[in-house]
Protein backbone atom coordinates (compact mmCIF):
# COMPACT_ATOMS: atom_id res chain seq x y z
CA UNK A 1 3.66 36.82 9.29
CA UNK A 2 3.21 35.28 5.86
CA UNK A 3 0.23 34.95 3.56
CA UNK A 4 -0.03 31.97 1.23
CA UNK A 5 -1.94 31.52 -2.02
CA UNK A 6 -2.07 28.19 -3.83
CA UNK A 7 -2.67 27.73 -7.54
CA UNK A 8 -2.32 25.08 -10.22
CA UNK A 9 -5.07 22.72 -9.23
CA UNK A 10 -7.48 21.32 -11.78
CA UNK A 11 -8.83 18.24 -13.49
CA UNK A 12 -6.42 15.59 -14.75
CA UNK A 13 -6.74 12.00 -15.89
CA UNK A 14 -5.25 9.22 -13.85
CA UNK A 15 -1.58 8.86 -14.73
CA UNK A 16 -1.27 12.53 -15.55
CA UNK A 17 0.67 15.32 -13.89
CA UNK A 18 0.03 18.67 -12.24
CA UNK A 19 2.27 21.25 -10.63
CA UNK A 20 0.92 23.20 -7.73
CA UNK A 21 2.37 26.52 -6.69
CA UNK A 22 2.16 28.39 -3.42
CA UNK A 23 3.00 32.08 -3.55
CA UNK A 24 4.03 33.66 -0.27
CA UNK A 25 3.94 37.30 0.72
CA UNK A 26 6.49 38.95 2.94
CA UNK A 27 10.25 39.02 3.07
CA UNK A 28 10.69 36.14 5.49
CA UNK A 29 9.64 33.23 3.26
CA UNK A 30 13.15 31.76 3.33
CA UNK A 31 13.02 31.47 7.11
CA UNK A 32 10.02 29.13 7.06
CA UNK A 33 9.78 25.42 6.61
CA UNK A 34 6.93 24.67 4.23
CA UNK A 35 4.48 21.84 4.02
CA UNK A 36 1.85 20.45 1.69
CA UNK A 37 -1.28 18.84 3.10
CA UNK A 38 -4.44 17.57 1.47
CA UNK A 39 -7.99 16.92 2.52
CA UNK A 40 -10.57 14.80 0.76
CA UNK A 41 -14.28 15.09 1.65
CA UNK A 42 -15.07 13.43 4.96
CA UNK A 43 -11.44 12.86 5.89
CA UNK A 44 -8.84 14.51 8.08
CA UNK A 45 -6.30 16.86 6.56
CA UNK A 46 -3.23 14.73 5.93
CA UNK A 47 0.44 15.37 5.38
CA UNK A 48 1.78 15.15 1.85
CA UNK A 49 5.27 16.70 1.82
CA UNK A 50 7.51 19.13 3.63
CA UNK A 51 10.65 21.02 2.77
CA UNK A 52 13.14 22.80 4.97
CA UNK A 53 13.66 26.55 4.84
CA UNK A 54 16.42 26.53 2.22
CA UNK A 55 15.30 23.33 0.54
CA UNK A 56 18.01 21.00 1.78
CA UNK A 57 15.63 18.48 3.28
CA UNK A 58 12.37 17.08 1.98
CA UNK A 59 9.99 14.54 3.47
CA UNK A 60 7.07 12.75 1.91
CA UNK A 61 4.11 10.68 2.93
CA UNK A 62 4.53 7.06 1.91
CA UNK A 63 1.48 7.34 -0.34
CA UNK A 64 3.18 9.93 -2.59
CA UNK A 65 6.83 8.99 -2.29
CA UNK A 66 8.41 8.56 -5.72
CA UNK A 67 5.55 10.37 -7.45
CA UNK A 68 5.48 13.84 -5.86
CA UNK A 69 8.35 16.30 -5.53
CA UNK A 70 8.35 19.40 -3.38
CA UNK A 71 10.68 22.28 -4.19
CA UNK A 72 10.97 25.97 -3.48
CA UNK A 73 12.41 29.10 -5.02
CA UNK A 74 13.16 31.50 -2.19
CA UNK A 75 14.08 34.28 -4.62
CA UNK A 76 10.52 34.09 -5.94
CA UNK A 77 8.86 33.39 -2.59
CA UNK A 78 7.25 30.34 -4.14
CA UNK A 79 6.76 26.73 -3.12
CA UNK A 80 6.00 23.99 -5.64
CA UNK A 81 4.57 20.50 -5.63
CA UNK A 82 5.16 18.48 -8.78
CA UNK A 83 2.67 15.63 -8.89
CA UNK A 84 3.22 12.80 -11.36
CA UNK A 85 1.42 9.50 -11.95
CA UNK A 86 -1.68 10.86 -10.29
CA UNK A 87 -4.22 8.41 -8.95
CA UNK A 88 -7.92 8.86 -8.15
CA UNK A 89 -7.04 8.60 -4.46
CA UNK A 90 -4.90 11.75 -4.80
CA UNK A 91 -8.05 13.78 -5.40
CA UNK A 92 -8.40 16.37 -2.64
CA UNK A 93 -8.03 20.02 -1.76
CA UNK A 94 -4.32 20.73 -1.42
CA UNK A 95 -3.03 23.26 1.09
CA UNK A 96 0.38 24.78 1.61
CA UNK A 97 1.49 25.81 5.06
CA UNK A 98 4.39 27.62 6.70
CA UNK A 99 6.02 26.82 10.00
CA UNK A 100 9.28 26.87 11.93
CA UNK A 101 10.09 23.17 11.75
CA UNK A 102 10.08 20.68 8.91
CA UNK A 103 7.56 18.12 10.05
CA UNK A 104 4.46 16.27 9.00
CA UNK A 105 2.40 17.51 11.93
CA UNK A 106 -0.37 19.94 11.15
CA UNK A 107 0.01 21.65 14.52
CA UNK A 108 3.59 22.67 13.69
CA UNK A 109 2.40 24.95 10.90
CA UNK A 110 1.20 28.43 11.76
CA UNK A 111 0.08 29.81 8.41
CA UNK A 112 -2.14 28.19 5.79
CA UNK A 113 -3.33 28.95 2.30
CA UNK A 114 -6.92 28.67 1.17
CA UNK A 115 -6.37 25.48 -0.81
CA UNK A 116 -6.61 24.40 -4.43
CA UNK A 117 -8.74 21.55 -5.73
CA UNK A 118 -7.13 18.61 -7.51
CA UNK A 119 -9.52 16.27 -9.30
CA UNK A 120 -8.29 13.01 -10.82
CA UNK A 121 -10.56 11.13 -13.19
CA UNK A 122 -10.21 7.39 -13.61
């Protein structure tokens, strides 16, 4: 089992940058694929990015490709999401999640953090 805690959210102007972190408990972090999802009010939780267990493979939603970068430091049990060139439509609660496969499907992830709010002003 793994527990996840996101941090790094906040208010940023359009065009700015934020880096989200996701701290994981337990000694098995490196065995999990990790994902980032986001949910804006009144919408479904949507896939943002995923990264394989040792960071060899990353996948991104088309809406963030070229602007967001997911990385991980298994020695620190931490997942990151670097977000550049932020747009108002990126505003949402961002969640990290852990699972056994590197996919964009919510149902493939077993463990979720509580989320961190990202607000982008235009």
